[in-house]
Amino acid sequence: MNFNLTQIPERTSKPRLSGLTMVMDKGLSIEEARNLMSVAYPHIDIIKLGFGTAFVTPDIRKKIEVYQSFNIPVYFGGTLFEAFLVRNQLEDYLAVCKDYSISHIEVSDGSISIPHEEKCRHIERLSKIGVVYSEVGSKDTAHIIPPYKWIELMRAELSAGAQYVIAEAREAGNVGIYRGTGEVREGLVQEILTQIPAEKVIWEAPQKAQQLYFLELIGCNVNLGNIAPSEIIALEAMRIGLRGDTFSLFLNK
């Protein structure tokens, strides 16, 4: 940090196991990726190339190499995994990951229907060759999953070998653990936390109010995902009580 302040909560150190900030890159240029790294790399733990953007982004290899040069893992969005899987091209997907030195893999079923036993088999297999993040929750706003089912799915996927489970919200933050308005489904979140360790869940939280909710509920070292590149510094300040929303959160009363 640039100067001394007391009563700043202790953030976990990189490489972190909790307190992760996962950034969603939805199409930054190579130069924008370099600029992002120049200011925000200490606060970024992993970069997700959102949904299927990796397929259409020019010079994607060079951009991936920019991130990897800062020792920040990169992975393809779960939608791309599903796009390969639904076309019976899983082996091609794994070949692509190997070609781009991608060691983190998101296994999701937000856009297609995969029997849960089959999803867990994919997690088990892929966890032997890389780090698996499994996403739980549907992108379909009409598909409401009850809390007990979220817990059941998360527990099974962690047992199958997922390092983290990702609580689905999409890049807009209006499905899954949120209502269509972006409001947190608080009962759902709190029930999940009765059974699933907080440090094993990455909460997709693209909106500031959503980030604030989880910081107040879990603390500065909550895992947050789908953070916009432009919001990394602001989020880190909010994590440690240096933004108005959390200014009093960590002060001794």
C-alpha atoms as a PDB file:
ATOM      1  CA  MET A   1       0.000   0.000   0.000  1.00  0.00           C
ATOM      2  CA  ASN A   2       1.120   3.568  -0.599  1.00  0.00           C
ATOM      3  CA  PHE A   3       1.015   4.845   2.994  1.00  0.00           C
ATOM      4  CA  ASN A   4       0.181   3.774   6.522  1.00  0.00           C
ATOM      5  CA  LEU A   5      -3.348   3.591   7.875  1.00  0.00           C
ATOM      6  CA  THR A   6      -4.443   1.783  11.010  1.00  0.00           C
ATOM      7  CA  GLN A   7      -7.604  -0.329  11.308  1.00  0.00           C
ATOM      8  CA  ILE A   8      -7.348  -1.710   7.794  1.00  0.00           C
ATOM      9  CA  PRO A   9      -8.624  -5.305   7.656  1.00  0.00           C
ATOM     10  CA  GLU A  10      -6.061  -7.906   6.676  1.00  0.00           C
ATOM     11  CA  ARG A  11      -6.454  -9.137   3.134  1.00  0.00           C
ATOM     12  CA  THR A  12      -5.226 -12.593   2.235  1.00  0.00           C
ATOM     13  CA  SER A  13      -2.007 -12.670   0.213  1.00  0.00           C
ATOM     14  CA  LYS A  14      -1.610 -13.883  -3.345  1.00  0.00           C
ATOM     15  CA  PRO A  15      -1.804 -16.631  -4.362  1.00  0.00           C
ATOM     16  CA  ARG A  16      -5.043 -16.489  -2.392  1.00  0.00           C
ATOM     17  CA  LEU A  17      -7.302 -19.367  -1.448  1.00  0.00           C
ATOM     18  CA  SER A  18     -10.016 -16.978  -0.256  1.00  0.00           C
ATOM     19  CA  GLY A  19     -10.708 -13.339  -0.893  1.00  0.00           C
ATOM     20  CA  LEU A  20     -10.532 -13.962  -4.634  1.00  0.00           C
ATOM     21  CA  THR A  21     -11.417 -11.333  -7.189  1.00  0.00           C
ATOM     22  CA  MET A  22     -12.385 -12.902 -10.507  1.00  0.00           C
ATOM     23  CA  VAL A  23     -12.510 -10.432 -13.382  1.00  0.00           C
ATOM     24  CA  MET A  24     -14.685 -10.860 -16.447  1.00  0.00           C
ATOM     25  CA  ASP A  25     -12.994  -9.794 -19.672  1.00  0.00           C
ATOM     26  CA  LYS A  26     -15.744  -9.428 -22.268  1.00  0.00           C
ATOM     27  CA  GLY A  27     -13.473  -8.281 -25.089  1.00  0.00           C
ATOM     28  CA  LEU A  28     -10.623  -6.057 -23.951  1.00  0.00           C
ATOM     29  CA  SER A  29      -7.955  -5.302 -26.522  1.00  0.00           C
ATOM     30  CA  ILE A  30      -4.384  -6.422 -25.947  1.00  0.00           C
ATOM     31  CA  GLU A  31      -3.417  -2.866 -25.051  1.00  0.00           C
ATOM     32  CA  GLU A  32      -6.355  -2.570 -22.665  1.00  0.00           C
ATOM     33  CA  ALA A  33      -5.257  -5.837 -21.037  1.00  0.00           C
ATOM     34  CA  ARG A  34      -1.756  -4.405 -20.564  1.00  0.00           C
ATOM     35  CA  ASN A  35      -3.198  -1.205 -19.111  1.00  0.00           C
ATOM     36  CA  LEU A  36      -5.377  -3.220 -16.741  1.00  0.00           C
ATOM     37  CA  MET A  37      -2.385  -5.200 -15.530  1.00  0.00           C
ATOM     38  CA  SER A  38      -0.335  -2.031 -15.036  1.00  0.00           C
ATOM     39  CA  VAL A  39      -2.657  -0.792 -12.301  1.00  0.00           C
ATOM     40  CA  ALA A  40      -4.777  -3.704 -11.064  1.00  0.00           C
ATOM     41  CA  TYR A  41      -2.746  -6.930 -11.216  1.00  0.00           C
ATOM     42  CA  PRO A  42      -2.055  -7.055  -7.435  1.00  0.00           C
ATOM     43  CA  HIS A  43      -5.806  -7.226  -6.850  1.00  0.00           C
ATOM     44  CA  ILE A  44      -6.799  -9.707  -9.565  1.00  0.00           C
ATOM     45  CA  ASP A  45      -6.685 -13.429  -8.873  1.00  0.00           C
ATOM     46  CA  ILE A  46      -8.150 -14.879 -12.043  1.00  0.00           C
ATOM     47  CA  ILE A  47      -9.416 -13.658 -15.419  1.00  0.00           C
ATOM     48  CA  LYS A  48     -12.447 -15.152 -17.118  1.00  0.00           C
ATOM     49  CA  LEU A  49     -12.791 -14.637 -20.851  1.00  0.00           C
ATOM     50  CA  GLY A  50     -16.540 -14.178 -20.698  1.00  0.00           C
ATOM     51  CA  PHE A  51     -18.958 -16.634 -22.295  1.00  0.00           C
ATOM     52  CA  GLY A  52     -17.795 -17.327 -25.888  1.00  0.00           C
ATOM     53  CA  THR A  53     -15.739 -14.194 -26.477  1.00  0.00           C
ATOM     54  CA  ALA A  54     -12.497 -16.173 -26.791  1.00  0.00           C
ATOM     55  CA  PHE A  55     -13.777 -17.633 -30.063  1.00  0.00           C
ATOM     56  CA  VAL A  56     -14.207 -14.237 -31.741  1.00  0.00           C
ATOM     57  CA  THR A  57     -11.518 -12.072 -30.095  1.00  0.00           C
ATOM     58  CA  PRO A  58      -8.623 -11.284 -32.480  1.00  0.00           C
ATOM     59  CA  ASP A  59      -5.126 -12.245 -31.271  1.00  0.00           C
ATOM     60  CA  ILE A  60      -6.568 -13.977 -28.236  1.00  0.00           C
ATOM     61  CA  ARG A  61      -3.306 -15.852 -27.673  1.00  0.00           C
ATOM     62  CA  LYS A  62      -1.384 -12.611 -27.226  1.00  0.00           C
ATOM     63  CA  LYS A  63      -3.916 -11.309 -24.728  1.00  0.00           C
ATOM     64  CA  ILE A  64      -3.849 -14.539 -22.731  1.00  0.00           C
ATOM     65  CA  GLU A  65      -0.054 -14.311 -22.655  1.00  0.00           C
ATOM     66  CA  VAL A  66      -0.278 -10.766 -21.256  1.00  0.00           C
ATOM     67  CA  TYR A  67      -2.305 -12.006 -18.301  1.00  0.00           C
ATOM     68  CA  GLN A  68      -0.185 -15.104 -17.816  1.00  0.00           C
ATOM     69  CA  SER A  69       2.995 -12.998 -17.790  1.00  0.00           C
ATOM     70  CA  PHE A  70       1.670 -11.535 -14.515  1.00  0.00           C
ATOM     71  CA  ASN A  71       1.039 -15.053 -13.142  1.00  0.00           C
ATOM     72  CA  ILE A  72      -2.717 -14.559 -13.327  1.00  0.00           C
ATOM     73  CA  PRO A  73      -4.617 -17.670 -14.418  1.00  0.00           C
ATOM     74  CA  VAL A  74      -7.005 -17.298 -17.340  1.00  0.00           C
ATOM     75  CA  TYR A  75      -9.960 -19.484 -18.180  1.00  0.00           C
ATOM     76  CA  PHE A  76     -12.698 -19.662 -20.770  1.00  0.00           C
ATOM     77  CA  GLY A  77     -16.257 -18.868 -19.734  1.00  0.00           C
ATOM     78  CA  GLY A  78     -18.511 -21.804 -19.002  1.00  0.00           C
ATOM     79  CA  THR A  79     -20.657 -21.031 -22.031  1.00  0.00           C
ATOM     80  CA  LEU A  80     -17.738 -21.985 -24.279  1.00  0.00           C
ATOM     81  CA  PHE A  81     -17.369 -25.293 -22.425  1.00  0.00           C
ATOM     82  CA  GLU A  82     -21.069 -25.922 -23.003  1.00  0.00           C
ATOM     83  CA  ALA A  83     -20.799 -24.959 -26.673  1.00  0.00           C
ATOM     84  CA  PHE A  84     -18.123 -27.615 -27.206  1.00  0.00           C
ATOM     85  CA  LEU A  85     -19.928 -30.190 -25.073  1.00  0.00           C
ATOM     86  CA  VAL A  86     -23.285 -29.872 -26.824  1.00  0.00           C
ATOM     87  CA  ARG A  87     -21.493 -30.412 -30.147  1.00  0.00           C
ATOM     88  CA  ASN A  88     -19.745 -33.557 -28.839  1.00  0.00           C
ATOM     89  CA  GLN A  89     -16.381 -31.771 -29.050  1.00  0.00           C
ATOM     90  CA  LEU A  90     -15.145 -32.067 -25.472  1.00  0.00           C
ATOM     91  CA  GLU A  91     -11.805 -33.505 -26.585  1.00  0.00           C
ATOM     92  CA  ASP A  92     -11.399 -30.544 -28.944  1.00  0.00           C
ATOM     93  CA  TYR A  93     -12.092 -28.204 -26.024  1.00  0.00           C
ATOM     94  CA  LEU A  94      -9.410 -29.848 -23.927  1.00  0.00           C
ATOM     95  CA  ALA A  95      -6.991 -29.596 -26.847  1.00  0.00           C
ATOM     96  CA  VAL A  96      -7.731 -25.871 -27.093  1.00  0.00           C
ATOM     97  CA  CYS A  97      -7.087 -25.426 -23.356  1.00  0.00           C
ATOM     98  CA  LYS A  98      -3.778 -27.240 -23.695  1.00  0.00           C
ATOM     99  CA  ASP A  99      -2.789 -25.219 -26.758  1.00  0.00           C
ATOM    100  CA  TYR A 100      -3.365 -21.936 -24.909  1.00  0.00           C
ATOM    101  CA  SER A 101      -1.808 -23.186 -21.641  1.00  0.00           C
ATOM    102  CA  ILE A 102      -5.156 -22.860 -19.879  1.00  0.00           C
ATOM    103  CA  SER A 103      -5.072 -24.914 -16.680  1.00  0.00           C
ATOM    104  CA  HIS A 104      -8.330 -23.657 -15.133  1.00  0.00           C
ATOM    105  CA  ILE A 105     -11.607 -24.995 -16.488  1.00  0.00           C
ATOM    106  CA  GLU A 106     -15.151 -23.888 -15.777  1.00  0.00           C
ATOM    107  CA  VAL A 107     -17.745 -26.644 -15.918  1.00  0.00           C
ATOM    108  CA  SER A 108     -21.249 -25.245 -16.190  1.00  0.00           C
ATOM    109  CA  ASP A 109     -24.719 -26.152 -17.343  1.00  0.00           C
ATOM    110  CA  GLY A 110     -26.379 -22.753 -17.361  1.00  0.00           C
ATOM    111  CA  SER A 111     -27.320 -22.810 -21.047  1.00  0.00           C
ATOM    112  CA  ILE A 112     -27.770 -26.520 -21.687  1.00  0.00           C
ATOM    113  CA  SER A 113     -29.229 -29.341 -19.656  1.00  0.00           C
ATOM    114  CA  ILE A 114     -26.657 -31.847 -18.403  1.00  0.00           C
ATOM    115  CA  PRO A 115     -27.691 -34.695 -16.076  1.00  0.00           C
ATOM    116  CA  HIS A 116     -26.023 -33.894 -12.778  1.00  0.00           C
ATOM    117  CA  GLU A 117     -24.257 -37.248 -12.542  1.00  0.00           C
ATOM    118  CA  GLU A 118     -22.730 -36.580 -15.945  1.00  0.00           C
ATOM    119  CA  LYS A 119     -21.663 -33.080 -14.885  1.00  0.00           C
ATOM    120  CA  CYS A 120     -19.973 -34.525 -11.808  1.00  0.00           C
ATOM    121  CA  ARG A 121     -18.180 -37.094 -13.979  1.00  0.00           C
ATOM    122  CA  HIS A 122     -16.813 -34.243 -16.107  1.00  0.00           C
ATOM    123  CA  ILE A 123     -15.676 -32.432 -12.956  1.00  0.00           C
ATOM    124  CA  GLU A 124     -13.993 -35.551 -11.611  1.00  0.00           C
ATOM    125  CA  ARG A 125     -12.175 -36.206 -14.878  1.00  0.00           C
ATOM    126  CA  LEU A 126     -11.124 -32.589 -15.488  1.00  0.00           C
ATOM    127  CA  SER A 127      -9.958 -32.072 -11.900  1.00  0.00           C
ATOM    128  CA  LYS A 128      -7.240 -34.613 -12.608  1.00  0.00           C
ATOM    129  CA  ILE A 129      -5.776 -32.435 -15.374  1.00  0.00           C
ATOM    130  CA  GLY A 130      -6.502 -28.914 -14.130  1.00  0.00           C
ATOM    131  CA  VAL A 131      -8.249 -26.672 -11.622  1.00  0.00           C
ATOM    132  CA  VAL A 132     -12.019 -26.920 -11.957  1.00  0.00           C
ATOM    133  CA  TYR A 133     -14.503 -24.200 -11.135  1.00  0.00           C
ATOM    134  CA  SER A 134     -18.057 -25.485 -11.379  1.00  0.00           C
ATOM    135  CA  GLU A 135     -20.937 -23.102 -11.853  1.00  0.00           C
ATOM    136  CA  VAL A 136     -24.253 -23.751 -10.143  1.00  0.00           C
ATOM    137  CA  GLY A 137     -27.487 -22.063 -11.189  1.00  0.00           C
ATOM    138  CA  SER A 138     -29.383 -21.434 -14.391  1.00  0.00           C
ATOM    139  CA  LYS A 139     -29.245 -18.481 -16.777  1.00  0.00           C
ATOM    140  CA  ASP A 140     -32.964 -19.002 -17.389  1.00  0.00           C
ATOM    141  CA  THR A 141     -34.870 -16.487 -15.247  1.00  0.00           C
ATOM    142  CA  ALA A 142     -37.897 -18.791 -15.241  1.00  0.00           C
ATOM    143  CA  HIS A 143     -35.905 -21.663 -13.738  1.00  0.00           C
ATOM    144  CA  ILE A 144     -35.886 -21.097  -9.970  1.00  0.00           C
ATOM    145  CA  ILE A 145     -33.759 -23.589  -8.048  1.00  0.00           C
ATOM    146  CA  PRO A 146     -34.827 -24.069  -4.396  1.00  0.00           C
ATOM    147  CA  PRO A 147     -32.162 -23.551  -1.700  1.00  0.00           C
ATOM    148  CA  TYR A 148     -31.903 -27.243  -0.741  1.00  0.00           C
ATOM    149  CA  LYS A 149     -31.112 -28.060  -4.372  1.00  0.00           C
ATOM    150  CA  TRP A 150     -28.380 -25.403  -4.580  1.00  0.00           C
ATOM    151  CA  ILE A 151     -26.778 -26.968  -1.499  1.00  0.00           C
ATOM    152  CA  GLU A 152     -27.119 -30.481  -2.863  1.00  0.00           C
ATOM    153  CA  LEU A 153     -25.556 -29.519  -6.212  1.00  0.00           C
ATOM    154  CA  MET A 154     -22.720 -27.501  -4.668  1.00  0.00           C
ATOM    155  CA  ARG A 155     -21.840 -30.240  -2.197  1.00  0.00           C
ATOM    156  CA  ALA A 156     -21.771 -32.911  -4.921  1.00  0.00           C
ATOM    157  CA  GLU A 157     -19.631 -30.799  -7.258  1.00  0.00           C
ATOM    158  CA  LEU A 158     -17.100 -29.974  -4.560  1.00  0.00           C
ATOM    159  CA  SER A 159     -16.951 -33.667  -3.678  1.00  0.00           C
ATOM    160  CA  ALA A 160     -16.399 -34.507  -7.347  1.00  0.00           C
ATOM    161  CA  GLY A 161     -13.273 -32.352  -7.405  1.00  0.00           C
ATOM    162  CA  ALA A 162     -14.260 -28.748  -8.056  1.00  0.00           C
ATOM    163  CA  GLN A 163     -11.925 -26.364  -6.239  1.00  0.00           C
ATOM    164  CA  TYR A 164     -14.661 -23.722  -6.068  1.00  0.00           C
ATOM    165  CA  VAL A 165     -18.327 -23.538  -6.914  1.00  0.00           C
ATOM    166  CA  ILE A 166     -19.507 -20.393  -8.655  1.00  0.00           C
ATOM    167  CA  ALA A 167     -22.944 -19.047  -7.746  1.00  0.00           C
ATOM    168  CA  GLU A 168     -24.514 -18.048 -11.059  1.00  0.00           C
ATOM    169  CA  ALA A 169     -25.604 -14.465 -11.705  1.00  0.00           C
ATOM    170  CA  ARG A 170     -24.635 -13.776 -15.355  1.00  0.00           C
ATOM    171  CA  GLU A 171     -22.646 -10.676 -16.259  1.00  0.00           C
ATOM    172  CA  ALA A 172     -25.658  -8.452 -15.471  1.00  0.00           C
ATOM    173  CA  GLY A 173     -26.323  -9.849 -11.991  1.00  0.00           C
ATOM    174  CA  ASN A 174     -30.021 -10.512 -12.481  1.00  0.00           C
ATOM    175  CA  VAL A 175     -30.498 -14.297 -12.323  1.00  0.00           C
ATOM    176  CA  GLY A 176     -29.505 -17.177 -10.058  1.00  0.00           C
ATOM    177  CA  ILE A 177     -28.706 -15.788  -6.613  1.00  0.00           C
ATOM    178  CA  TYR A 178     -30.377 -12.495  -7.587  1.00  0.00           C
ATOM    179  CA  ARG A 179     -33.861 -11.452  -8.516  1.00  0.00           C
ATOM    180  CA  GLY A 180     -34.504  -9.815 -11.878  1.00  0.00           C
ATOM    181  CA  THR A 181     -34.022  -6.418 -10.222  1.00  0.00           C
ATOM    182  CA  GLY A 182     -30.510  -7.366  -9.078  1.00  0.00           C
ATOM    183  CA  GLU A 183     -31.649  -7.723  -5.465  1.00  0.00           C
ATOM    184  CA  VAL A 184     -29.915 -10.509  -3.549  1.00  0.00           C
ATOM    185  CA  ARG A 185     -32.008 -13.556  -2.708  1.00  0.00           C
ATOM    186  CA  GLU A 186     -30.854 -13.255   0.883  1.00  0.00           C
ATOM    187  CA  GLY A 187     -32.620 -16.326   2.216  1.00  0.00           C
ATOM    188  CA  LEU A 188     -31.018 -18.456  -0.480  1.00  0.00           C
ATOM    189  CA  VAL A 189     -27.522 -17.109   0.171  1.00  0.00           C
ATOM    190  CA  GLN A 190     -27.760 -17.498   3.917  1.00  0.00           C
ATOM    191  CA  GLU A 191     -29.140 -21.017   3.634  1.00  0.00           C
ATOM    192  CA  ILE A 192     -26.279 -21.994   1.297  1.00  0.00           C
ATOM    193  CA  LEU A 193     -23.819 -20.723   3.899  1.00  0.00           C
ATOM    194  CA  THR A 194     -25.249 -23.020   6.558  1.00  0.00           C
ATOM    195  CA  GLN A 195     -23.942 -26.006   4.578  1.00  0.00           C
ATOM    196  CA  ILE A 196     -21.250 -24.814   2.167  1.00  0.00           C
ATOM    197  CA  PRO A 197     -18.039 -23.130   3.423  1.00  0.00           C
ATOM    198  CA  ALA A 198     -17.903 -19.492   2.322  1.00  0.00           C
ATOM    199  CA  GLU A 199     -14.311 -19.881   1.169  1.00  0.00           C
ATOM    200  CA  LYS A 200     -15.383 -22.505  -1.393  1.00  0.00           C
ATOM    201  CA  VAL A 201     -17.971 -20.278  -3.104  1.00  0.00           C
ATOM    202  CA  ILE A 202     -17.295 -17.548  -5.663  1.00  0.00           C
ATOM    203  CA  TRP A 203     -20.291 -15.228  -5.692  1.00  0.00           C
ATOM    204  CA  GLU A 204     -20.844 -13.581  -9.056  1.00  0.00           C
ATOM    205  CA  ALA A 205     -21.446  -9.952  -8.074  1.00  0.00           C
ATOM    206  CA  PRO A 206     -21.098  -7.490 -10.954  1.00  0.00           C
ATOM    207  CA  GLN A 207     -23.087  -4.716  -9.247  1.00  0.00           C
ATOM    208  CA  LYS A 208     -21.713  -2.569  -6.430  1.00  0.00           C
ATOM    209  CA  ALA A 209     -24.725  -3.178  -4.173  1.00  0.00           C
ATOM    210  CA  GLN A 210     -24.206  -6.929  -4.579  1.00  0.00           C
ATOM    211  CA  GLN A 211     -20.514  -6.652  -3.721  1.00  0.00           C
ATOM    212  CA  LEU A 212     -21.404  -4.601  -0.650  1.00  0.00           C
ATOM    213  CA  TYR A 213     -23.921  -7.200   0.520  1.00  0.00           C
ATOM    214  CA  PHE A 214     -21.321  -9.973   0.499  1.00  0.00           C
ATOM    215  CA  LEU A 215     -18.632  -7.808   2.103  1.00  0.00           C
ATOM    216  CA  GLU A 216     -20.993  -7.005   4.959  1.00  0.00           C
ATOM    217  CA  LEU A 217     -22.154 -10.620   5.263  1.00  0.00           C
ATOM    218  CA  ILE A 218     -18.855 -12.500   4.949  1.00  0.00           C
ATOM    219  CA  GLY A 219     -16.081  -9.940   5.269  1.00  0.00           C
ATOM    220  CA  CYS A 220     -13.282  -8.419   3.234  1.00  0.00           C
ATOM    221  CA  ASN A 221     -11.998 -11.819   2.098  1.00  0.00           C
ATOM    222  CA  VAL A 222     -15.171 -13.002   0.406  1.00  0.00           C
ATOM    223  CA  ASN A 223     -14.706 -14.497  -3.082  1.00  0.00           C
ATOM    224  CA  LEU A 224     -16.315 -12.274  -5.732  1.00  0.00           C
ATOM    225  CA  GLY A 225     -16.662 -12.897  -9.447  1.00  0.00           C
ATOM    226  CA  ASN A 226     -17.777 -11.268 -12.697  1.00  0.00           C
ATOM    227  CA  ILE A 227     -16.121  -8.007 -11.666  1.00  0.00           C
ATOM    228  CA  ALA A 228     -15.721  -5.490 -14.480  1.00  0.00           C
ATOM    229  CA  PRO A 229     -12.113  -4.492 -15.266  1.00  0.00           C
ATOM    230  CA  SER A 230     -12.948  -0.853 -14.579  1.00  0.00           C
ATOM    231  CA  GLU A 231     -14.143  -1.718 -11.051  1.00  0.00           C
ATOM    232  CA  ILE A 232     -11.118  -3.584  -9.652  1.00  0.00           C
ATOM    233  CA  ILE A 233      -9.473  -0.704  -7.795  1.00  0.00           C
ATOM    234  CA  ALA A 234     -12.822   0.576  -6.508  1.00  0.00           C
ATOM    235  CA  LEU A 235     -13.728  -2.912  -5.248  1.00  0.00           C
ATOM    236  CA  GLU A 236     -10.402  -3.347  -3.486  1.00  0.00           C
ATOM    237  CA  ALA A 237     -10.901  -0.002  -1.743  1.00  0.00           C
ATOM    238  CA  MET A 238     -14.395  -1.082  -0.718  1.00  0.00           C
ATOM    239  CA  ARG A 239     -13.046  -4.420   0.568  1.00  0.00           C
ATOM    240  CA  ILE A 240     -10.850  -2.634   3.126  1.00  0.00           C
ATOM    241  CA  GLY A 241     -13.196   0.155   4.228  1.00  0.00           C
ATOM    242  CA  LEU A 242     -11.884   2.939   2.026  1.00  0.00           C
ATOM    243  CA  ARG A 243     -15.099   3.659   0.169  1.00  0.00           C
ATOM    244  CA  GLY A 244     -18.114   5.367   1.678  1.00  0.00           C
ATOM    245  CA  ASP A 245     -20.217   2.210   1.549  1.00  0.00           C
ATOM    246  CA  THR A 246     -17.882   0.310   3.899  1.00  0.00           C
ATOM    247  CA  PHE A 247     -16.145   3.229   5.636  1.00  0.00           C
ATOM    248  CA  SER A 248     -17.320   2.276   9.143  1.00  0.00           C
ATOM    249  CA  LEU A 249     -17.385  -1.459   8.618  1.00  0.00           C
ATOM    250  CA  PHE A 250     -13.900  -2.198   9.973  1.00  0.00           C
ATOM    251  CA  LEU A 251     -13.349   0.718  12.344  1.00  0.00           C
ATOM    252  CA  ASN A 252     -13.055  -0.022  16.045  1.00  0.00           C
ATOM    253  CA  LYS A 253     -16.235   1.227  17.666  1.00  0.00           C
END
